[in-house]
Amino acid sequence: MSGPYVGAHDDSSWLRPQDDKDAFTESELAELRRSLWMLSGPSVVDFYRDTHEACSVERTPGTKAIQRLVTAWKVLRKWGWR
């Protein structure tokens, strides 16, 4: 890694999840996407806001929380919500 934020962590291993068991599988992510697509727009926005709150820096979010947030964001972007 290079740039102004290198610091003491010269390898990128600290950026990866510690345990892959904490992450959704591809099939679980596909099911989450499918479930979100079936909801109304305002319901997906509520889901996004709830997951965004759960992912605040003060709470140290887990891998699944981040995956939920990104999945909801992608659905909203495809729908054109801004």
Protein backbone atom coordinates (compact mmCIF):
# COMPACT_ATOMS: atom_id res chain seq x y z
CA MET A 1 0.00 0.00 0.00
CA SER A 2 1.17 3.48 -0.71
CA GLY A 3 -0.15 6.91 -0.01
CA PRO A 4 -0.68 9.16 2.97
CA TYR A 5 -2.53 6.55 5.08
CA VAL A 6 0.00 3.72 5.15
CA GLY A 7 0.79 3.88 8.86
CA ALA A 8 1.90 0.80 10.78
CA HIS A 9 -0.19 -1.60 8.67
CA ASP A 10 2.01 -2.04 5.62
CA ASP A 11 0.22 -5.24 4.60
CA SER A 12 -3.46 -5.18 3.66
CA SER A 13 -4.39 -8.21 5.80
CA TRP A 14 -6.07 -5.94 8.35
CA LEU A 15 -8.53 -4.85 5.64
CA ARG A 16 -9.90 -8.37 5.11
CA PRO A 17 -12.48 -10.03 7.36
CA GLN A 18 -10.91 -12.05 10.13
CA ASP A 19 -13.22 -14.96 9.62
CA ASP A 20 -15.01 -15.83 6.40
CA LYS A 21 -17.76 -17.48 8.47
CA ASP A 22 -18.85 -13.96 9.40
CA ALA A 23 -19.63 -13.12 5.76
CA PHE A 24 -22.70 -14.01 3.74
CA THR A 25 -22.31 -16.69 1.10
CA GLU A 26 -23.09 -15.81 -2.52
CA SER A 27 -26.43 -17.60 -2.26
CA GLU A 28 -27.32 -15.71 0.94
CA LEU A 29 -26.46 -12.41 -0.75
CA ALA A 30 -28.59 -13.35 -3.75
CA GLU A 31 -31.51 -14.12 -1.43
CA LEU A 32 -31.06 -10.76 0.34
CA ARG A 33 -31.03 -8.96 -3.03
CA ARG A 34 -34.16 -10.83 -4.13
CA SER A 35 -35.91 -9.98 -0.86
CA LEU A 36 -35.03 -6.30 -1.18
CA TRP A 37 -36.23 -6.17 -4.80
CA MET A 38 -39.63 -7.44 -3.64
CA LEU A 39 -40.05 -4.61 -1.11
CA SER A 40 -41.39 -1.16 -1.85
CA GLY A 41 -38.96 1.73 -2.32
CA PRO A 42 -39.66 3.34 1.06
CA SER A 43 -39.21 -0.04 2.78
CA VAL A 44 -35.78 -0.48 1.18
CA VAL A 45 -34.89 3.06 2.23
CA ASP A 46 -35.87 2.18 5.82
CA PHE A 47 -33.77 -1.00 5.61
CA TYR A 48 -30.84 1.04 4.29
CA ARG A 49 -31.16 3.62 7.07
CA ASP A 50 -31.32 0.91 9.74
CA THR A 51 -28.24 -0.84 8.35
CA HIS A 52 -26.44 2.49 7.95
CA GLU A 53 -27.04 3.19 11.63
CA ALA A 54 -25.83 -0.31 12.54
CA CYS A 55 -22.65 0.33 10.56
CA SER A 56 -21.61 3.47 12.39
CA VAL A 57 -17.95 3.64 13.27
CA GLU A 58 -18.67 3.74 16.98
CA ARG A 59 -20.29 0.29 16.81
CA THR A 60 -17.52 -1.48 14.82
CA PRO A 61 -19.79 -3.17 12.28
CA GLY A 62 -19.38 -6.78 11.31
CA THR A 63 -18.95 -8.14 7.83
CA LYS A 64 -22.62 -9.07 7.42
CA ALA A 65 -23.76 -5.59 8.47
CA ILE A 66 -21.54 -4.02 5.80
CA GLN A 67 -22.78 -6.51 3.20
CA ARG A 68 -26.41 -5.66 4.06
CA LEU A 69 -25.66 -1.94 3.71
CA VAL A 70 -23.91 -2.32 0.35
CA THR A 71 -26.63 -4.61 -1.01
CA ALA A 72 -29.39 -2.16 -0.06
CA TRP A 73 -27.38 0.71 -1.54
CA LYS A 74 -26.96 -1.17 -4.83
CA VAL A 75 -30.70 -1.87 -5.05
CA LEU A 76 -31.53 1.78 -4.40
CA ARG A 77 -28.98 2.95 -6.99
CA LYS A 78 -30.43 0.62 -9.63
CA TRP A 79 -33.87 2.06 -8.89
CA GLY A 80 -32.51 5.59 -9.30
CA TRP A 81 -33.07 6.65 -5.68
CA ARG A 82 -30.73 9.42 -4.57
